[in-house]
Protein backbone atom coordinates (compact mmCIF):
# COMPACT_ATOMS: atom_id res chain seq x y z
CA UNK A 1 -187.98 92.95 137.44
CA UNK A 2 -186.80 89.35 137.41
CA UNK A 3 -183.10 88.96 137.98
CA UNK A 4 -181.48 87.09 135.03
CA UNK A 5 -180.08 83.70 135.84
CA UNK A 6 -176.34 83.30 135.85
CA UNK A 7 -174.69 81.23 133.14
CA UNK A 8 -173.56 78.63 135.68
CA UNK A 9 -177.04 78.16 137.16
CA UNK A 10 -178.55 77.82 133.67
CA UNK A 11 -175.95 75.23 132.79
CA UNK A 12 -176.70 73.32 136.00
CA UNK A 13 -180.39 73.20 135.15
CA UNK A 14 -179.54 72.01 131.64
CA UNK A 15 -177.43 69.16 133.04
CA UNK A 16 -180.12 68.23 135.55
CA UNK A 17 -182.82 68.11 132.86
CA UNK A 18 -180.67 66.08 130.50
CA UNK A 19 -179.26 63.32 132.65
CA UNK A 20 -177.55 60.22 131.36
CA UNK A 21 -180.44 58.12 132.61
CA UNK A 22 -182.88 60.06 130.44
CA UNK A 23 -180.80 59.16 127.38
CA UNK A 24 -181.08 55.45 128.09
CA UNK A 25 -183.76 53.28 126.48
CA UNK A 26 -186.60 52.75 129.03
CA UNK A 27 -185.76 49.10 129.70
CA UNK A 28 -182.06 49.87 130.18
CA UNK A 29 -182.92 52.74 132.52
CA UNK A 30 -185.26 50.56 134.55
CA UNK A 31 -182.57 47.87 134.86
CA UNK A 32 -179.84 50.36 135.86
CA UNK A 33 -182.01 52.01 138.50
CA UNK A 34 -182.95 48.64 139.99
CA UNK A 35 -179.36 47.51 140.61
CA UNK A 36 -178.19 47.28 144.24
CA UNK A 37 -175.13 49.30 145.19
CA UNK A 38 -172.78 46.32 144.98
CA UNK A 39 -173.67 45.73 141.33
CA UNK A 40 -173.69 49.45 140.49
CA UNK A 41 -170.02 49.55 141.45
CA UNK A 42 -169.30 46.96 138.77
CA UNK A 43 -171.11 49.03 136.14
CA UNK A 44 -169.22 52.18 137.17
CA UNK A 45 -165.90 50.32 137.00
CA UNK A 46 -166.70 49.09 133.50
CA UNK A 47 -167.70 52.61 132.38
CA UNK A 48 -164.45 54.02 133.76
CA UNK A 49 -162.31 51.38 132.05
CA UNK A 50 -164.04 51.86 128.70
CA UNK A 51 -163.76 55.66 128.73
CA UNK A 52 -160.11 55.54 129.78
CA UNK A 53 -159.10 52.96 127.16
CA UNK A 54 -157.61 53.64 123.75
CA UNK A 55 -160.05 53.32 120.81
CA UNK A 56 -158.42 50.07 119.66
CA UNK A 57 -158.99 48.52 123.11
CA UNK A 58 -162.58 49.75 123.09
CA UNK A 59 -163.00 48.06 119.71
CA UNK A 60 -161.55 44.79 121.00
CA UNK A 61 -163.83 44.81 124.05
CA UNK A 62 -166.96 45.71 122.11
CA UNK A 63 -166.14 43.05 119.54
CA UNK A 64 -165.78 40.32 122.18
CA UNK A 65 -168.80 41.48 124.19
CA UNK A 66 -171.28 42.28 121.41
CA UNK A 67 -170.26 40.62 118.15
CA UNK A 68 -172.36 37.46 118.51
CA UNK A 69 -175.46 39.44 119.46
CA UNK A 70 -174.99 41.90 116.60
CA UNK A 71 -174.44 39.14 114.08
CA UNK A 72 -177.59 37.35 115.29
CA UNK A 73 -179.62 40.56 114.90
CA UNK A 74 -178.18 41.19 111.45
CA UNK A 75 -179.10 37.69 110.32
CA UNK A 76 -182.69 38.35 111.48
CA UNK A 77 -182.87 41.32 109.10
CA UNK A 78 -183.43 39.13 106.09
CA UNK A 79 -184.72 41.92 103.84
CA UNK A 80 -181.52 43.96 104.11
CA UNK A 81 -179.39 40.82 103.99
CA UNK A 82 -181.03 39.65 100.75
CA UNK A 83 -180.83 43.13 99.25
CA UNK A 84 -177.09 43.40 99.89
CA UNK A 85 -176.57 39.82 98.66
CA UNK A 86 -178.41 40.73 95.45
CA UNK A 87 -176.04 43.64 94.79
CA UNK A 88 -173.00 41.48 95.52
CA UNK A 89 -174.24 39.08 92.85
CA UNK A 90 -174.85 41.94 90.44
CA UNK A 91 -171.17 42.87 90.70
CA UNK A 92 -170.17 39.24 90.20
CA UNK A 93 -168.89 38.92 93.79
CA UNK A 94 -169.21 35.50 95.36
CA UNK A 95 -169.29 36.78 98.96
CA UNK A 96 -171.85 34.95 101.11
CA UNK A 97 -173.49 36.92 103.94
CA UNK A 98 -173.38 34.28 106.66
CA UNK A 99 -172.27 34.20 110.29
CA UNK A 100 -168.71 33.24 109.34
CA UNK A 101 -168.37 36.41 107.25
CA UNK A 102 -170.42 38.81 109.38
CA UNK A 103 -168.58 38.29 112.68
CA UNK A 104 -165.12 39.33 111.42
CA UNK A 105 -166.75 42.19 109.50
CA UNK A 106 -168.36 43.51 112.71
CA UNK A 107 -164.93 43.48 114.37
CA UNK A 108 -163.35 45.15 111.34
CA UNK A 109 -166.07 47.82 111.34
CA UNK A 110 -165.32 48.64 114.99
CA UNK A 111 -161.56 48.80 114.37
CA UNK A 112 -161.86 50.81 111.16
CA UNK A 113 -164.14 53.30 112.91
CA UNK A 114 -161.71 53.60 115.82
CA UNK A 115 -158.87 54.37 113.41
CA UNK A 116 -160.92 57.13 111.80
CA UNK A 117 -161.77 58.66 115.18
CA UNK A 118 -158.51 58.04 117.03
CA UNK A 119 -158.33 61.74 117.90
CA UNK A 120 -161.90 61.69 119.28
CA UNK A 121 -162.35 58.27 120.93
CA UNK A 122 -165.46 59.40 122.76
CA UNK A 123 -167.24 59.79 119.44
CA UNK A 124 -166.20 56.30 118.42
CA UNK A 125 -167.51 54.77 121.64
CA UNK A 126 -170.76 56.67 121.19
CA UNK A 127 -171.18 55.42 117.62
CA UNK A 128 -170.33 51.82 118.57
CA UNK A 129 -172.81 51.81 121.45
CA UNK A 130 -175.45 53.32 119.18
CA UNK A 131 -174.88 50.41 116.83
CA UNK A 132 -175.47 47.97 119.70
CA UNK A 133 -178.55 49.72 121.12
CA UNK A 134 -180.39 50.90 118.00
CA UNK A 135 -181.67 48.06 115.76
CA UNK A 136 -181.74 50.40 112.74
CA UNK A 137 -178.03 51.13 113.02
CA UNK A 138 -177.09 47.56 112.05
CA UNK A 139 -177.87 48.49 108.44
CA UNK A 140 -174.73 50.66 108.50
CA UNK A 141 -172.67 47.46 108.85
CA UNK A 142 -174.41 45.97 105.81
CA UNK A 143 -173.66 49.20 103.89
CA UNK A 144 -170.05 48.93 105.04
CA UNK A 145 -169.76 45.31 103.87
CA UNK A 146 -171.13 46.11 100.41
CA UNK A 147 -168.88 49.16 100.04
CA UNK A 148 -165.81 47.31 101.30
CA UNK A 149 -166.32 44.30 99.01
CA UNK A 150 -166.63 46.60 96.00
CA UNK A 151 -163.50 48.54 96.92
CA UNK A 152 -161.61 45.26 97.32
CA UNK A 153 -162.72 44.34 93.80
CA UNK A 154 -161.58 47.68 92.34
CA UNK A 155 -158.25 47.39 94.19
CA UNK A 156 -157.65 44.10 92.35
CA UNK A 157 -158.46 45.49 88.90
CA UNK A 158 -155.79 46.53 86.43
CA UNK A 159 -155.59 50.24 85.69
CA UNK A 160 -157.11 49.56 82.26
CA UNK A 161 -160.07 47.80 83.92
CA UNK A 162 -160.45 50.69 86.38
CA UNK A 163 -160.51 53.06 83.43
CA UNK A 164 -163.26 51.11 81.70
CA UNK A 165 -165.26 51.02 84.95
CA UNK A 166 -164.88 54.81 85.24
CA UNK A 167 -166.04 55.34 81.65
CA UNK A 168 -169.37 53.70 82.50
CA UNK A 169 -170.19 56.14 85.28
CA UNK A 170 -172.46 59.14 84.91
CA UNK A 171 -169.73 61.43 86.27
CA UNK A 172 -166.42 59.73 85.39
CA UNK A 173 -164.15 62.54 86.64
CA UNK A 174 -165.80 62.55 90.07
CA UNK A 175 -165.62 58.75 90.31
CA UNK A 176 -161.93 58.78 89.37
CA UNK A 177 -161.13 61.49 91.92
CA UNK A 178 -163.08 59.80 94.73
CA UNK A 179 -162.16 56.15 94.22
CA UNK A 180 -159.72 55.40 91.38
CA UNK A 181 -157.03 57.97 92.12
CA UNK A 182 -156.68 56.98 95.85
CA UNK A 183 -156.51 53.31 94.86
CA UNK A 184 -153.89 53.89 92.18
CA UNK A 185 -151.85 56.00 94.61
CA UNK A 186 -151.98 53.09 97.08
CA UNK A 187 -150.85 50.76 94.27
CA UNK A 188 -147.85 53.00 93.63
CA UNK A 189 -146.90 53.54 97.27
CA UNK A 190 -147.05 49.83 98.05
CA UNK A 191 -145.20 48.75 94.91
CA UNK A 192 -148.17 46.80 93.55
CA UNK A 193 -148.13 48.66 90.24
CA UNK A 194 -144.91 50.45 89.32
CA UNK A 195 -145.42 52.94 86.48
CA UNK A 196 -142.46 53.59 84.20
CA UNK A 197 -142.48 56.33 81.58
CA UNK A 198 -146.22 56.88 82.03
CA UNK A 199 -146.46 59.22 79.01
CA UNK A 200 -144.79 56.79 76.60
CA UNK A 201 -147.39 54.45 75.15
CA UNK A 202 -145.30 51.32 74.61
CA UNK A 203 -143.69 51.64 78.04
CA UNK A 204 -147.08 52.26 79.60
CA UNK A 205 -148.88 49.24 78.25
CA UNK A 206 -147.30 46.55 80.44
CA UNK A 207 -148.05 48.08 83.84
CA UNK A 208 -151.38 49.53 82.69
CA UNK A 209 -152.88 46.14 81.85
CA UNK A 210 -151.21 44.26 84.73
CA UNK A 211 -153.81 42.73 87.08
CA UNK A 212 -152.57 43.06 90.68
CA UNK A 213 -152.13 39.77 92.49
CA UNK A 214 -153.00 40.79 96.05
CA UNK A 215 -153.74 38.36 98.87
CA UNK A 216 -157.01 38.79 100.81
CA UNK A 217 -155.39 40.05 104.03
CA UNK A 218 -153.26 42.52 102.08
CA UNK A 219 -156.28 43.93 100.23
CA UNK A 220 -158.00 44.60 103.57
CA UNK A 221 -154.84 46.30 104.86
CA UNK A 222 -154.84 48.52 101.78
CA UNK A 223 -158.52 49.51 101.76
CA UNK A 224 -158.69 50.52 105.43
CA UNK A 225 -156.06 53.30 105.37
CA UNK A 226 -157.10 54.44 101.88
CA UNK A 227 -160.77 55.05 102.74
CA UNK A 228 -162.47 55.99 106.02
CA UNK A 229 -165.16 53.73 107.47
CA UNK A 230 -167.73 56.43 106.70
CA UNK A 231 -166.58 56.64 103.07
CA UNK A 232 -166.90 52.84 102.73
CA UNK A 233 -170.39 52.83 104.31
CA UNK A 234 -171.51 55.77 102.16
CA UNK A 235 -170.33 53.94 99.03
CA UNK A 236 -172.43 50.91 99.94
CA UNK A 237 -175.41 53.01 101.00
CA UNK A 238 -175.38 54.97 97.73
CA UNK A 239 -175.76 51.74 95.77
CA UNK A 240 -178.57 50.41 97.95
CA UNK A 241 -180.40 53.73 97.77
CA UNK A 242 -179.78 54.32 94.05
CA UNK A 243 -179.04 51.01 92.26
CA UNK A 244 -177.69 52.79 89.18
CA UNK A 245 -175.27 54.96 91.13
CA UNK A 246 -172.55 52.49 90.11
CA UNK A 247 -172.86 51.33 86.52
CA UNK A 248 -171.30 47.94 85.95
CA UNK A 249 -170.72 45.77 82.88
CA UNK A 250 -168.59 42.76 83.77
CA UNK A 251 -167.92 41.65 80.18
CA UNK A 252 -166.80 45.12 79.12
CA UNK A 253 -164.65 45.85 82.18
CA UNK A 254 -162.87 42.48 82.23
CA UNK A 255 -162.54 41.97 78.47
CA UNK A 256 -159.23 40.43 77.33
CA UNK A 257 -156.60 43.07 76.70
CA UNK A 258 -155.61 43.65 73.08
CA UNK A 259 -152.41 44.99 71.65
CA UNK A 260 -152.87 48.40 70.14
CA UNK A 261 -154.12 51.76 71.16
CA UNK A 262 -156.44 51.83 74.13
CA UNK A 263 -158.24 54.64 75.91
CA UNK A 264 -156.23 57.11 77.96
CA UNK A 265 -158.99 59.07 79.69
CA UNK A 266 -157.30 58.82 83.09
CA UNK A 267 -154.48 61.03 81.85
CA UNK A 268 -156.96 63.77 80.99
CA UNK A 269 -157.95 64.03 84.67
CA UNK A 270 -154.42 64.05 86.01
CA UNK A 271 -153.56 60.37 86.51
């Protein structure tokens, strides 16, 4: 009868059969194995410093070391670039997907991801390196850009405009819960919109139709803590995958406000 292997010996075999080198792309593995000892020490030092650094420092390093290369690769993906640009135009956004925009967005994507995963920095580093190594992963940055630009737009809508946008959606209550309610809470917390006597119509009208005047840097500062990087990317991806997942009618949403009774659907879902 064969003696069963101990747990420790099984684990050792598992580690031996799944080495770090085997996880590397073939060209990277060939390069790493060909390095003389003197240069291997440099690689090991860099690995140690990266793993021991805080996520924000990892983001800064990866931004400085990889941003230009990532931006160049993203600009080569003209199909995805044109697709995202088309959706930006559909939502009446004048954002141009060029090098000047993409480079700071790559940095922001790294930092936003590191904030989401600050309790698990190893997962952040893994995801960032996957973005660098795998050409297909760069589409996640395009998804992120589309999602982030749309959330910036919604952040700068009045509550009446947000309500009209929600009315257009196939599932208004879900859209309000996922996007509108967090944004309006951020408006309140940051003093951008200050509701007074929300249940009294004539008191409600002024703040409800007020369009927030938020500077670009401030909008970015508001979106990042309100939504995770994954939530932003998923929002963009959902639109690219299903173009009608976000219904949009610019003329209806941004129509001039009129005195008189207007819809109050947000109250029915707890806003």
